[in-house]
Amino acid sequence: MPHAARPTVTLHDVAAAAGVSVSTASRVLGGSARKVAPEYEARVLAAAAALRYTVDASARAMRRASDAIALVADDLTTPSMGMVVSAMEREARSAGAFVTVSATMGVPERQSETVRVLRSLRPRALVLTSNRYLAADVEVRLEKELRAYEREGGRVAIVGETDLTFDSIGFDNYRVGLTMGAFVAEIGHRRVAIFAGAGNLRNLGDRSAGFIAGLRAGGVAERDIRLVHCEVSRRGGFDSARALADAGMDGVRAVLAANDIVAVGALKGFRAAGLTVPDDVSVTGVDDIPLAYDVTPRLTTVALPLAESGAEAIRIVLGEGGTGRRMSVEGRLIVRDSTRPAL
């Protein structure tokens, strides 16, 4: 009589029985060169023996073949993302790993598909950048792929906006906007336009909400705040500035842009329309990319710790994380030449 098949025991089962993370169990049973505390090693080996766990040799070979940390980025063409990726690469290299990069070009469906493909390549860890699209079904599909990757022994961290319960480093975009809105109101501007960027991104939506709250708290009437959605690019800022100028500005003397790239486009658009920044209109941004200092006039902005966040994400996935901890970082107001008090 044939024997009943023995239930398949997974690495996740061993980790649970030993009371350690999947990544720790993987290091013990997968022959990793990275050291594990003797206490944890003994617990993993005992659990594996009790459960009669057998290492999949081919899977182990594949894991050993890759010491990569895979970054899934929204858009590699932006300077802010370049700062994040460069910092990740430096931090990973110092730890003996390297970073591979895949771009989803801002298409939500590509995130989950890219993670699905990367799972077959078994990178050491996955780091995602996320602006958090408002469509809930997008995050459901992405979470399914990331959970499967974790069960296979991988590590996950997210830089940016997310409601997923993975380790994450988020930016307090509402407070960023609040800071800038309050500053613009404080220097006396009472008619303001917000170049808000795309309407389907949570990070930009939170910034716009903060802009409005800061302006309103500073005495700006709601009817005197104009919200303009635009492409998140220099072209988007340029076109929005030209349209506002061509319409006669309607008393607007300050523009709050969703990020520095949109603000730089707005500077050019107002200049092309014959207006001077900041004499005719003040312009602000968010991020503090290198270009913000190099343009004329130098851009007033809220600096975000982009490079520091990228480096920290690498440290998280190389450490003992996996706890679903959330870090939130704030920005710092930097006042430069693109703003002036209202006359």
C-alpha atoms as a PDB file:
ATOM      1  CA  MET A   1       0.000   0.000   0.000  1.00  0.00           C
ATOM      2  CA  PRO A   2       1.491   3.358  -0.961  1.00  0.00           C
ATOM      3  CA  HIS A   3       2.336   5.746   1.858  1.00  0.00           C
ATOM      4  CA  ALA A   4       0.600   9.116   2.062  1.00  0.00           C
ATOM      5  CA  ALA A   5       2.777  11.911   0.801  1.00  0.00           C
ATOM      6  CA  ARG A   6       4.546  13.821   3.539  1.00  0.00           C
ATOM      7  CA  PRO A   7       3.313  17.455   3.696  1.00  0.00           C
ATOM      8  CA  THR A   8       5.799  19.877   2.169  1.00  0.00           C
ATOM      9  CA  VAL A   9       7.685  21.800   4.834  1.00  0.00           C
ATOM     10  CA  THR A  10       8.706  25.307   3.803  1.00  0.00           C
ATOM     11  CA  LEU A  11      11.396  27.640   5.058  1.00  0.00           C
ATOM     12  CA  HIS A  12       8.602  29.765   6.474  1.00  0.00           C
ATOM     13  CA  ASP A  13       7.462  26.782   8.598  1.00  0.00           C
ATOM     14  CA  VAL A  14      10.973  26.287   9.976  1.00  0.00           C
ATOM     15  CA  ALA A  15      11.340  30.005  10.792  1.00  0.00           C
ATOM     16  CA  ALA A  16       7.998  30.024  12.607  1.00  0.00           C
ATOM     17  CA  ALA A  17       8.879  26.927  14.626  1.00  0.00           C
ATOM     18  CA  ALA A  18      12.259  28.398  15.583  1.00  0.00           C
ATOM     19  CA  GLY A  19      10.808  31.804  16.423  1.00  0.00           C
ATOM     20  CA  VAL A  20      13.109  33.676  14.014  1.00  0.00           C
ATOM     21  CA  SER A  21      12.686  35.641  10.801  1.00  0.00           C
ATOM     22  CA  VAL A  22      12.589  33.848   7.454  1.00  0.00           C
ATOM     23  CA  SER A  23      15.802  35.623   6.449  1.00  0.00           C
ATOM     24  CA  THR A  24      17.598  34.272   9.542  1.00  0.00           C
ATOM     25  CA  ALA A  25      16.427  30.728   8.823  1.00  0.00           C
ATOM     26  CA  SER A  26      17.535  31.148   5.228  1.00  0.00           C
ATOM     27  CA  ARG A  27      21.045  32.164   6.300  1.00  0.00           C
ATOM     28  CA  VAL A  28      21.393  29.133   8.545  1.00  0.00           C
ATOM     29  CA  LEU A  29      20.023  26.549   6.126  1.00  0.00           C
ATOM     30  CA  GLY A  30      21.152  28.145   2.884  1.00  0.00           C
ATOM     31  CA  GLY A  31      24.848  28.237   3.611  1.00  0.00           C
ATOM     32  CA  SER A  32      25.071  32.038   3.748  1.00  0.00           C
ATOM     33  CA  ALA A  33      28.428  33.590   4.555  1.00  0.00           C
ATOM     34  CA  ARG A  34      26.648  36.073   6.825  1.00  0.00           C
ATOM     35  CA  LYS A  35      26.909  35.094  10.502  1.00  0.00           C
ATOM     36  CA  VAL A  36      23.924  34.216  12.692  1.00  0.00           C
ATOM     37  CA  ALA A  37      24.023  34.225  16.484  1.00  0.00           C
ATOM     38  CA  PRO A  38      24.739  30.700  17.818  1.00  0.00           C
ATOM     39  CA  GLU A  39      21.474  30.670  19.792  1.00  0.00           C
ATOM     40  CA  TYR A  40      19.420  31.352  16.649  1.00  0.00           C
ATOM     41  CA  GLU A  41      21.449  28.881  14.591  1.00  0.00           C
ATOM     42  CA  ALA A  42      20.779  26.112  17.105  1.00  0.00           C
ATOM     43  CA  ARG A  43      17.053  26.880  17.179  1.00  0.00           C
ATOM     44  CA  VAL A  44      16.807  26.824  13.380  1.00  0.00           C
ATOM     45  CA  LEU A  45      18.717  23.552  13.057  1.00  0.00           C
ATOM     46  CA  ALA A  46      16.582  21.922  15.769  1.00  0.00           C
ATOM     47  CA  ALA A  47      13.353  23.096  14.109  1.00  0.00           C
ATOM     48  CA  ALA A  48      14.523  21.887  10.697  1.00  0.00           C
ATOM     49  CA  ALA A  49      15.370  18.457  12.112  1.00  0.00           C
ATOM     50  CA  ALA A  50      12.072  18.155  13.954  1.00  0.00           C
ATOM     51  CA  LEU A  51      10.095  19.107  10.862  1.00  0.00           C
ATOM     52  CA  ARG A  52      12.334  17.018   8.567  1.00  0.00           C
ATOM     53  CA  TYR A  53      12.944  20.065   6.384  1.00  0.00           C
ATOM     54  CA  THR A  54      14.944  19.414   3.214  1.00  0.00           C
ATOM     55  CA  VAL A  55      16.751  22.279   1.494  1.00  0.00           C
ATOM     56  CA  ASP A  56      15.965  22.644  -2.193  1.00  0.00           C
ATOM     57  CA  ALA A  57      19.466  22.479  -3.639  1.00  0.00           C
ATOM     58  CA  SER A  58      18.580  24.184  -6.890  1.00  0.00           C
ATOM     59  CA  ALA A  59      16.787  27.016  -5.099  1.00  0.00           C
ATOM     60  CA  ARG A  60      19.756  27.404  -2.757  1.00  0.00           C
ATOM     61  CA  ALA A  61      22.092  27.634  -5.721  1.00  0.00           C
ATOM     62  CA  MET A  62      19.932  30.297  -7.252  1.00  0.00           C
ATOM     63  CA  ARG A  63      19.940  32.258  -3.997  1.00  0.00           C
ATOM     64  CA  ARG A  64      23.685  32.012  -3.730  1.00  0.00           C
ATOM     65  CA  ALA A  65      24.079  33.167  -7.327  1.00  0.00           C
ATOM     66  CA  SER A  66      22.459  36.502  -6.537  1.00  0.00           C
ATOM     67  CA  ASP A  67      23.790  38.964  -4.001  1.00  0.00           C
ATOM     68  CA  ALA A  68      21.757  41.738  -5.582  1.00  0.00           C
ATOM     69  CA  ILE A  69      19.357  44.134  -3.969  1.00  0.00           C
ATOM     70  CA  ALA A  70      16.675  44.881  -6.536  1.00  0.00           C
ATOM     71  CA  LEU A  71      15.238  48.389  -6.624  1.00  0.00           C
ATOM     72  CA  VAL A  72      11.837  48.880  -8.255  1.00  0.00           C
ATOM     73  CA  ALA A  73      11.578  52.613  -8.951  1.00  0.00           C
ATOM     74  CA  ASP A  74       8.691  54.691 -10.227  1.00  0.00           C
ATOM     75  CA  ASP A  75      10.654  56.893 -12.619  1.00  0.00           C
ATOM     76  CA  LEU A  76      14.430  56.947 -13.026  1.00  0.00           C
ATOM     77  CA  THR A  77      14.367  60.148 -15.076  1.00  0.00           C
ATOM     78  CA  THR A  78      13.700  62.389 -12.060  1.00  0.00           C
ATOM     79  CA  PRO A  79      16.595  63.999 -10.149  1.00  0.00           C
ATOM     80  CA  SER A  80      15.016  63.109  -6.798  1.00  0.00           C
ATOM     81  CA  MET A  81      14.986  59.419  -7.745  1.00  0.00           C
ATOM     82  CA  GLY A  82      18.581  59.710  -8.916  1.00  0.00           C
ATOM     83  CA  MET A  83      19.541  60.896  -5.421  1.00  0.00           C
ATOM     84  CA  VAL A  84      17.768  57.912  -3.828  1.00  0.00           C
ATOM     85  CA  VAL A  85      19.285  55.335  -6.189  1.00  0.00           C
ATOM     86  CA  SER A  86      22.825  56.729  -5.880  1.00  0.00           C
ATOM     87  CA  ALA A  87      22.645  56.566  -2.094  1.00  0.00           C
ATOM     88  CA  MET A  88      21.303  52.998  -2.231  1.00  0.00           C
ATOM     89  CA  GLU A  89      24.107  51.899  -4.523  1.00  0.00           C
ATOM     90  CA  ARG A  90      26.790  53.405  -2.276  1.00  0.00           C
ATOM     91  CA  GLU A  91      25.349  51.846   0.878  1.00  0.00           C
ATOM     92  CA  ALA A  92      24.900  48.420  -0.754  1.00  0.00           C
ATOM     93  CA  ARG A  93      28.412  48.424  -2.177  1.00  0.00           C
ATOM     94  CA  SER A  94      29.866  49.187   1.251  1.00  0.00           C
ATOM     95  CA  ALA A  95      28.028  46.084   2.561  1.00  0.00           C
ATOM     96  CA  GLY A  96      29.326  43.832  -0.223  1.00  0.00           C
ATOM     97  CA  ALA A  97      26.116  43.800  -2.256  1.00  0.00           C
ATOM     98  CA  PHE A  98      25.093  45.604  -5.411  1.00  0.00           C
ATOM     99  CA  VAL A  99      21.902  47.242  -6.640  1.00  0.00           C
ATOM    100  CA  THR A 100      19.995  46.381  -9.783  1.00  0.00           C
ATOM    101  CA  VAL A 101      17.313  48.809 -10.903  1.00  0.00           C
ATOM    102  CA  SER A 102      13.996  48.353 -12.695  1.00  0.00           C
ATOM    103  CA  ALA A 103      11.788  51.294 -13.653  1.00  0.00           C
ATOM    104  CA  THR A 104       8.005  51.067 -13.811  1.00  0.00           C
ATOM    105  CA  MET A 105       7.753  54.502 -15.478  1.00  0.00           C
ATOM    106  CA  GLY A 106       4.929  55.460 -13.173  1.00  0.00           C
ATOM    107  CA  VAL A 107       2.572  52.742 -14.479  1.00  0.00           C
ATOM    108  CA  PRO A 108       0.954  51.131 -11.406  1.00  0.00           C
ATOM    109  CA  GLU A 109       0.362  47.719 -12.989  1.00  0.00           C
ATOM    110  CA  ARG A 110       4.062  47.433 -13.815  1.00  0.00           C
ATOM    111  CA  GLN A 111       5.029  47.409 -10.137  1.00  0.00           C
ATOM    112  CA  SER A 112       3.388  44.079  -9.335  1.00  0.00           C
ATOM    113  CA  GLU A 113       4.472  42.576 -12.669  1.00  0.00           C
ATOM    114  CA  THR A 114       8.084  43.688 -12.126  1.00  0.00           C
ATOM    115  CA  VAL A 115       8.127  42.181  -8.627  1.00  0.00           C
ATOM    116  CA  ARG A 116       6.700  38.938 -10.021  1.00  0.00           C
ATOM    117  CA  VAL A 117       9.525  38.694 -12.568  1.00  0.00           C
ATOM    118  CA  LEU A 118      12.197  39.624 -10.032  1.00  0.00           C
ATOM    119  CA  ARG A 119      11.047  36.864  -7.693  1.00  0.00           C
ATOM    120  CA  SER A 120      12.245  34.286 -10.209  1.00  0.00           C
ATOM    121  CA  LEU A 121      15.725  35.869 -10.118  1.00  0.00           C
ATOM    122  CA  ARG A 122      15.865  35.587  -6.307  1.00  0.00           C
ATOM    123  CA  PRO A 123      17.522  38.870  -5.343  1.00  0.00           C
ATOM    124  CA  ARG A 124      18.696  39.161  -1.780  1.00  0.00           C
ATOM    125  CA  ALA A 125      16.173  41.910  -1.066  1.00  0.00           C
ATOM    126  CA  LEU A 126      13.655  44.194  -2.741  1.00  0.00           C
ATOM    127  CA  VAL A 127      13.378  47.938  -2.189  1.00  0.00           C
ATOM    128  CA  LEU A 128      10.469  49.766  -3.780  1.00  0.00           C
ATOM    129  CA  THR A 129       9.869  53.463  -4.208  1.00  0.00           C
ATOM    130  CA  SER A 130       6.224  54.373  -4.042  1.00  0.00           C
ATOM    131  CA  ASN A 131       4.155  57.496  -4.610  1.00  0.00           C
ATOM    132  CA  ARG A 132       1.073  55.399  -3.754  1.00  0.00           C
ATOM    133  CA  TYR A 133      -1.508  55.464  -6.479  1.00  0.00           C
ATOM    134  CA  LEU A 134      -5.051  56.024  -5.276  1.00  0.00           C
ATOM    135  CA  ALA A 135      -6.421  52.866  -6.964  1.00  0.00           C
ATOM    136  CA  ALA A 136      -6.751  50.311  -4.153  1.00  0.00           C
ATOM    137  CA  ASP A 137      -6.644  47.251  -6.428  1.00  0.00           C
ATOM    138  CA  VAL A 138      -3.110  48.205  -7.496  1.00  0.00           C
ATOM    139  CA  GLU A 139      -1.771  47.777  -3.955  1.00  0.00           C
ATOM    140  CA  VAL A 140      -3.693  44.505  -3.486  1.00  0.00           C
ATOM    141  CA  ARG A 141      -1.872  42.910  -6.440  1.00  0.00           C
ATOM    142  CA  LEU A 142       1.467  44.319  -5.333  1.00  0.00           C
ATOM    143  CA  GLU A 143       1.049  43.069  -1.765  1.00  0.00           C
ATOM    144  CA  LYS A 144       0.287  39.545  -3.022  1.00  0.00           C
ATOM    145  CA  GLU A 145       3.587  39.418  -4.926  1.00  0.00           C
ATOM    146  CA  LEU A 146       5.604  40.900  -2.059  1.00  0.00           C
ATOM    147  CA  ARG A 147       4.153  38.474   0.481  1.00  0.00           C
ATOM    148  CA  ALA A 148       5.046  35.552  -1.775  1.00  0.00           C
ATOM    149  CA  TYR A 149       8.588  36.927  -2.077  1.00  0.00           C
ATOM    150  CA  GLU A 150       8.881  37.187   1.715  1.00  0.00           C
ATOM    151  CA  ARG A 151       7.705  33.597   2.134  1.00  0.00           C
ATOM    152  CA  GLU A 152      10.554  32.601  -0.170  1.00  0.00           C
ATOM    153  CA  GLY A 153      13.039  34.201   2.233  1.00  0.00           C
ATOM    154  CA  GLY A 154      13.339  37.680   0.712  1.00  0.00           C
ATOM    155  CA  ARG A 155      13.382  41.023   2.479  1.00  0.00           C
ATOM    156  CA  VAL A 156      11.253  44.047   1.536  1.00  0.00           C
ATOM    157  CA  ALA A 157      11.437  47.768   2.270  1.00  0.00           C
ATOM    158  CA  ILE A 158       9.477  50.630   0.763  1.00  0.00           C
ATOM    159  CA  VAL A 159      10.614  54.235   0.369  1.00  0.00           C
ATOM    160  CA  GLY A 160       7.626  56.558  -0.011  1.00  0.00           C
ATOM    161  CA  GLU A 161       3.875  56.388   0.364  1.00  0.00           C
ATOM    162  CA  THR A 162       2.275  53.062   1.296  1.00  0.00           C
ATOM    163  CA  ASP A 163      -0.375  51.479   3.498  1.00  0.00           C
ATOM    164  CA  LEU A 164       1.288  48.071   3.132  1.00  0.00           C
ATOM    165  CA  THR A 165       2.667  46.601   6.352  1.00  0.00           C
ATOM    166  CA  PHE A 166       6.272  46.192   5.265  1.00  0.00           C
ATOM    167  CA  ASP A 167       9.235  48.108   6.651  1.00  0.00           C
ATOM    168  CA  SER A 168       8.929  51.584   5.151  1.00  0.00           C
ATOM    169  CA  ILE A 169      10.393  55.065   5.157  1.00  0.00           C
ATOM    170  CA  GLY A 170       7.779  57.662   4.305  1.00  0.00           C
ATOM    171  CA  PHE A 171       7.875  61.413   3.867  1.00  0.00           C
ATOM    172  CA  ASP A 172       5.378  63.515   5.799  1.00  0.00           C
ATOM    173  CA  ASN A 173       4.100  65.222   2.662  1.00  0.00           C
ATOM    174  CA  TYR A 174       1.185  66.913   4.392  1.00  0.00           C
ATOM    175  CA  ARG A 175       3.545  68.596   6.859  1.00  0.00           C
ATOM    176  CA  VAL A 176       5.878  69.493   3.988  1.00  0.00           C
ATOM    177  CA  GLY A 177       3.001  71.303   2.297  1.00  0.00           C
ATOM    178  CA  LEU A 178       1.848  72.838   5.575  1.00  0.00           C
ATOM    179  CA  THR A 179       5.317  74.290   6.167  1.00  0.00           C
ATOM    180  CA  MET A 180       5.505  75.894   2.744  1.00  0.00           C
ATOM    181  CA  GLY A 181       1.915  77.152   2.777  1.00  0.00           C
ATOM    182  CA  ALA A 182       2.438  78.783   6.173  1.00  0.00           C
ATOM    183  CA  PHE A 183       5.660  80.436   4.971  1.00  0.00           C
ATOM    184  CA  VAL A 184       4.047  81.903   1.850  1.00  0.00           C
ATOM    185  CA  ALA A 185       1.144  83.246   3.917  1.00  0.00           C
ATOM    186  CA  GLU A 186       3.566  84.632   6.518  1.00  0.00           C
ATOM    187  CA  ILE A 187       5.394  86.757   3.930  1.00  0.00           C
ATOM    188  CA  GLY A 188       2.105  88.339   3.004  1.00  0.00           C
ATOM    189  CA  HIS A 189       0.820  86.625  -0.142  1.00  0.00           C
ATOM    190  CA  ARG A 190      -2.959  86.535  -0.287  1.00  0.00           C
ATOM    191  CA  ARG A 191      -3.645  85.228  -3.795  1.00  0.00           C
ATOM    192  CA  VAL A 192      -1.894  81.962  -4.575  1.00  0.00           C
ATOM    193  CA  ALA A 193      -1.835  79.257  -7.256  1.00  0.00           C
ATOM    194  CA  ILE A 194      -0.836  75.651  -6.511  1.00  0.00           C
ATOM    195  CA  PHE A 195       0.707  73.693  -9.394  1.00  0.00           C
ATOM    196  CA  ALA A 196      -0.375  70.384  -7.884  1.00  0.00           C
ATOM    197  CA  GLY A 197       0.914  67.838 -10.398  1.00  0.00           C
ATOM    198  CA  ALA A 198      -1.024  64.667 -11.164  1.00  0.00           C
ATOM    199  CA  GLY A 199      -4.276  64.070  -9.330  1.00  0.00           C
ATOM    200  CA  ASN A 200      -3.828  60.299  -8.863  1.00  0.00           C
ATOM    201  CA  LEU A 201      -0.723  60.324  -6.659  1.00  0.00           C
ATOM    202  CA  ARG A 202      -1.160  60.337  -2.899  1.00  0.00           C
ATOM    203  CA  ASN A 203       2.143  62.052  -2.100  1.00  0.00           C
ATOM    204  CA  LEU A 204       1.300  65.051  -4.285  1.00  0.00           C
ATOM    205  CA  GLY A 205      -2.282  65.114  -3.040  1.00  0.00           C
ATOM    206  CA  ASP A 206      -1.036  65.253   0.546  1.00  0.00           C
ATOM    207  CA  ARG A 207       1.341  68.091  -0.328  1.00  0.00           C
ATOM    208  CA  SER A 208      -1.464  70.082  -1.920  1.00  0.00           C
ATOM    209  CA  ALA A 209      -3.704  69.525   1.092  1.00  0.00           C
ATOM    210  CA  GLY A 210      -0.866  70.768   3.299  1.00  0.00           C
ATOM    211  CA  PHE A 211      -0.301  73.811   1.087  1.00  0.00           C
ATOM    212  CA  ILE A 212      -3.955  74.746   1.411  1.00  0.00           C
ATOM    213  CA  ALA A 213      -4.066  74.170   5.173  1.00  0.00           C
ATOM    214  CA  GLY A 214      -0.936  76.276   5.720  1.00  0.00           C
ATOM    215  CA  LEU A 215      -2.245  79.097   3.554  1.00  0.00           C
ATOM    216  CA  ARG A 216      -5.651  79.058   5.223  1.00  0.00           C
ATOM    217  CA  ALA A 217      -4.109  79.056   8.710  1.00  0.00           C
ATOM    218  CA  GLY A 218      -2.067  82.080   7.643  1.00  0.00           C
ATOM    219  CA  GLY A 219      -5.122  84.068   6.614  1.00  0.00           C
ATOM    220  CA  VAL A 220      -5.479  83.301   2.894  1.00  0.00           C
ATOM    221  CA  ALA A 221      -9.127  82.971   1.851  1.00  0.00           C
ATOM    222  CA  GLU A 222     -10.109  79.675   0.234  1.00  0.00           C
ATOM    223  CA  ARG A 223     -11.540  81.514  -2.795  1.00  0.00           C
ATOM    224  CA  ASP A 224      -8.086  83.040  -3.405  1.00  0.00           C
ATOM    225  CA  ILE A 225      -6.323  79.667  -3.715  1.00  0.00           C
ATOM    226  CA  ARG A 226      -6.267  78.255  -7.252  1.00  0.00           C
ATOM    227  CA  LEU A 227      -5.506  74.534  -7.671  1.00  0.00           C
ATOM    228  CA  VAL A 228      -3.950  73.632 -11.037  1.00  0.00           C
ATOM    229  CA  HIS A 229      -3.305  69.987 -11.954  1.00  0.00           C
ATOM    230  CA  CYS A 230      -0.463  69.472 -14.403  1.00  0.00           C
ATOM    231  CA  GLU A 231       2.090  66.994 -15.690  1.00  0.00           C
ATOM    232  CA  VAL A 232       4.802  66.332 -13.095  1.00  0.00           C
ATOM    233  CA  SER A 233       7.620  67.671 -15.255  1.00  0.00           C
ATOM    234  CA  ARG A 234       9.294  70.876 -16.378  1.00  0.00           C
ATOM    235  CA  ARG A 235       6.827  70.976 -19.258  1.00  0.00           C
ATOM    236  CA  GLY A 236       3.937  70.746 -16.797  1.00  0.00           C
ATOM    237  CA  GLY A 237       5.284  73.673 -14.792  1.00  0.00           C
ATOM    238  CA  PHE A 238       6.103  75.685 -17.907  1.00  0.00           C
ATOM    239  CA  ASP A 239       2.671  75.217 -19.488  1.00  0.00           C
ATOM    240  CA  SER A 240       0.862  76.020 -16.234  1.00  0.00           C
ATOM    241  CA  ALA A 241       2.876  79.210 -15.756  1.00  0.00           C
ATOM    242  CA  ARG A 242       2.283  80.339 -19.332  1.00  0.00           C
ATOM    243  CA  ALA A 243      -1.445  79.660 -19.068  1.00  0.00           C
ATOM    244  CA  LEU A 244      -1.660  81.628 -15.819  1.00  0.00           C
ATOM    245  CA  ALA A 245       0.349  84.519 -17.259  1.00  0.00           C
ATOM    246  CA  ASP A 246      -1.618  84.564 -20.519  1.00  0.00           C
ATOM    247  CA  ALA A 247      -4.837  84.777 -18.482  1.00  0.00           C
ATOM    248  CA  GLY A 248      -3.517  87.899 -16.739  1.00  0.00           C
ATOM    249  CA  MET A 249      -2.474  86.197 -13.453  1.00  0.00           C
ATOM    250  CA  ASP A 250      -5.819  87.173 -11.845  1.00  0.00           C
ATOM    251  CA  GLY A 251      -3.974  88.801  -8.963  1.00  0.00           C
ATOM    252  CA  VAL A 252      -1.843  85.698  -8.210  1.00  0.00           C
ATOM    253  CA  ARG A 253       1.508  86.737  -6.732  1.00  0.00           C
ATOM    254  CA  ALA A 254       2.783  83.350  -5.515  1.00  0.00           C
ATOM    255  CA  VAL A 255       2.938  79.831  -6.961  1.00  0.00           C
ATOM    256  CA  LEU A 256       3.503  76.724  -4.845  1.00  0.00           C
ATOM    257  CA  ALA A 257       4.722  73.850  -7.027  1.00  0.00           C
ATOM    258  CA  ALA A 258       4.338  70.172  -6.108  1.00  0.00           C
ATOM    259  CA  ASN A 259       8.077  69.595  -6.532  1.00  0.00           C
ATOM    260  CA  ASP A 260      11.251  71.329  -7.689  1.00  0.00           C
ATOM    261  CA  ILE A 261      11.014  70.062 -11.269  1.00  0.00           C
ATOM    262  CA  VAL A 262       7.553  71.605 -11.721  1.00  0.00           C
ATOM    263  CA  ALA A 263       8.842  74.794 -10.054  1.00  0.00           C
ATOM    264  CA  VAL A 264      11.845  75.009 -12.405  1.00  0.00           C
ATOM    265  CA  GLY A 265       9.485  74.684 -15.375  1.00  0.00           C
ATOM    266  CA  ALA A 266       7.331  77.448 -13.884  1.00  0.00           C
ATOM    267  CA  LEU A 267      10.368  79.755 -13.601  1.00  0.00           C
ATOM    268  CA  LYS A 268      11.008  79.324 -17.307  1.00  0.00           C
ATOM    269  CA  GLY A 269       7.324  79.747 -18.175  1.00  0.00           C
ATOM    270  CA  PHE A 270       6.989  83.029 -16.308  1.00  0.00           C
ATOM    271  CA  ARG A 271      10.247  84.288 -17.818  1.00  0.00           C
ATOM    272  CA  ALA A 272       8.960  83.433 -21.306  1.00  0.00           C
ATOM    273  CA  ALA A 273       5.792  85.407 -20.522  1.00  0.00           C
ATOM    274  CA  GLY A 274       7.828  88.472 -19.574  1.00  0.00           C
ATOM    275  CA  LEU A 275       7.340  88.158 -15.812  1.00  0.00           C
ATOM    276  CA  THR A 276      10.145  88.373 -13.254  1.00  0.00           C
ATOM    277  CA  VAL A 277      10.565  85.981 -10.332  1.00  0.00           C
ATOM    278  CA  PRO A 278      10.269  87.016  -7.521  1.00  0.00           C
ATOM    279  CA  ASP A 279       9.390  90.656  -8.298  1.00  0.00           C
ATOM    280  CA  ASP A 280       6.194  89.790 -10.184  1.00  0.00           C
ATOM    281  CA  VAL A 281       5.506  86.351  -8.722  1.00  0.00           C
ATOM    282  CA  SER A 282       7.148  84.197  -6.048  1.00  0.00           C
ATOM    283  CA  VAL A 283       7.725  80.501  -6.841  1.00  0.00           C
ATOM    284  CA  THR A 284       8.443  77.615  -4.464  1.00  0.00           C
ATOM    285  CA  GLY A 285       9.218  73.904  -4.816  1.00  0.00           C
ATOM    286  CA  VAL A 286       9.717  70.731  -2.763  1.00  0.00           C
ATOM    287  CA  ASP A 287      12.638  68.216  -2.615  1.00  0.00           C
ATOM    288  CA  ASP A 288      15.782  70.412  -2.822  1.00  0.00           C
ATOM    289  CA  ILE A 289      17.353  68.638  -5.791  1.00  0.00           C
ATOM    290  CA  PRO A 290      20.760  70.059  -6.864  1.00  0.00           C
ATOM    291  CA  LEU A 291      19.104  72.029  -9.667  1.00  0.00           C
ATOM    292  CA  ALA A 292      17.119  74.022  -7.082  1.00  0.00           C
ATOM    293  CA  TYR A 293      20.345  75.742  -6.063  1.00  0.00           C
ATOM    294  CA  ASP A 294      21.740  76.100  -9.572  1.00  0.00           C
ATOM    295  CA  VAL A 295      18.812  77.828 -11.297  1.00  0.00           C
ATOM    296  CA  THR A 296      18.339  81.591 -11.398  1.00  0.00           C
ATOM    297  CA  PRO A 297      16.799  82.680  -9.144  1.00  0.00           C
ATOM    298  CA  ARG A 298      17.747  80.006  -6.650  1.00  0.00           C
ATOM    299  CA  LEU A 299      14.644  78.148  -5.576  1.00  0.00           C
ATOM    300  CA  THR A 300      12.926  78.391  -2.202  1.00  0.00           C
ATOM    301  CA  THR A 301      11.993  74.820  -1.327  1.00  0.00           C
ATOM    302  CA  VAL A 302      11.434  72.213   1.380  1.00  0.00           C
ATOM    303  CA  ALA A 303      14.435  69.870   1.512  1.00  0.00           C
ATOM    304  CA  LEU A 304      13.653  66.168   1.920  1.00  0.00           C
ATOM    305  CA  PRO A 305      16.311  63.699   3.147  1.00  0.00           C
ATOM    306  CA  LEU A 306      16.192  61.683  -0.076  1.00  0.00           C
ATOM    307  CA  ALA A 307      19.738  60.283  -0.025  1.00  0.00           C
ATOM    308  CA  GLU A 308      19.563  59.467   3.685  1.00  0.00           C
ATOM    309  CA  SER A 309      16.278  57.608   3.176  1.00  0.00           C
ATOM    310  CA  GLY A 310      17.709  55.542   0.323  1.00  0.00           C
ATOM    311  CA  ALA A 311      20.732  54.539   2.397  1.00  0.00           C
ATOM    312  CA  GLU A 312      18.549  53.673   5.389  1.00  0.00           C
ATOM    313  CA  ALA A 313      16.356  51.423   3.225  1.00  0.00           C
ATOM    314  CA  ILE A 314      19.420  49.375   2.313  1.00  0.00           C
ATOM    315  CA  ARG A 315      20.442  49.116   5.952  1.00  0.00           C
ATOM    316  CA  ILE A 316      16.928  47.877   6.801  1.00  0.00           C
ATOM    317  CA  VAL A 317      16.881  45.061   4.237  1.00  0.00           C
ATOM    318  CA  LEU A 318      20.405  43.982   5.175  1.00  0.00           C
ATOM    319  CA  GLY A 319      19.563  43.955   8.870  1.00  0.00           C
ATOM    320  CA  GLU A 320      17.074  42.065  10.990  1.00  0.00           C
ATOM    321  CA  GLY A 321      13.986  43.996   9.897  1.00  0.00           C
ATOM    322  CA  GLY A 322      10.770  42.504   8.584  1.00  0.00           C
ATOM    323  CA  THR A 323       8.781  43.907  11.506  1.00  0.00           C
ATOM    324  CA  GLY A 324       6.514  46.193   9.514  1.00  0.00           C
ATOM    325  CA  ARG A 325       7.996  49.246  11.216  1.00  0.00           C
ATOM    326  CA  ARG A 326       7.240  52.636   9.712  1.00  0.00           C
ATOM    327  CA  MET A 327       9.574  55.585   9.724  1.00  0.00           C
ATOM    328  CA  SER A 328       8.316  59.042   8.794  1.00  0.00           C
ATOM    329  CA  VAL A 329      10.719  61.854   7.958  1.00  0.00           C
ATOM    330  CA  GLU A 330      10.007  65.553   7.712  1.00  0.00           C
ATOM    331  CA  GLY A 331      11.346  68.253   5.429  1.00  0.00           C
ATOM    332  CA  ARG A 332      13.258  71.456   6.168  1.00  0.00           C
ATOM    333  CA  LEU A 333      12.306  74.857   4.766  1.00  0.00           C
ATOM    334  CA  ILE A 334      15.085  76.521   2.770  1.00  0.00           C
ATOM    335  CA  VAL A 335      14.416  80.131   1.792  1.00  0.00           C
ATOM    336  CA  ARG A 336      16.310  81.332  -1.270  1.00  0.00           C
ATOM    337  CA  ASP A 337      15.857  83.947  -3.983  1.00  0.00           C
ATOM    338  CA  SER A 338      12.658  82.842  -5.751  1.00  0.00           C
ATOM    339  CA  THR A 339      10.378  84.301  -3.069  1.00  0.00           C
ATOM    340  CA  ARG A 340       9.934  87.752  -1.590  1.00  0.00           C
ATOM    341  CA  PRO A 341       7.424  89.371   0.762  1.00  0.00           C
ATOM    342  CA  ALA A 342       4.284  90.693  -0.870  1.00  0.00           C
ATOM    343  CA  LEU A 343       4.301  94.436  -1.452  1.00  0.00           C
END
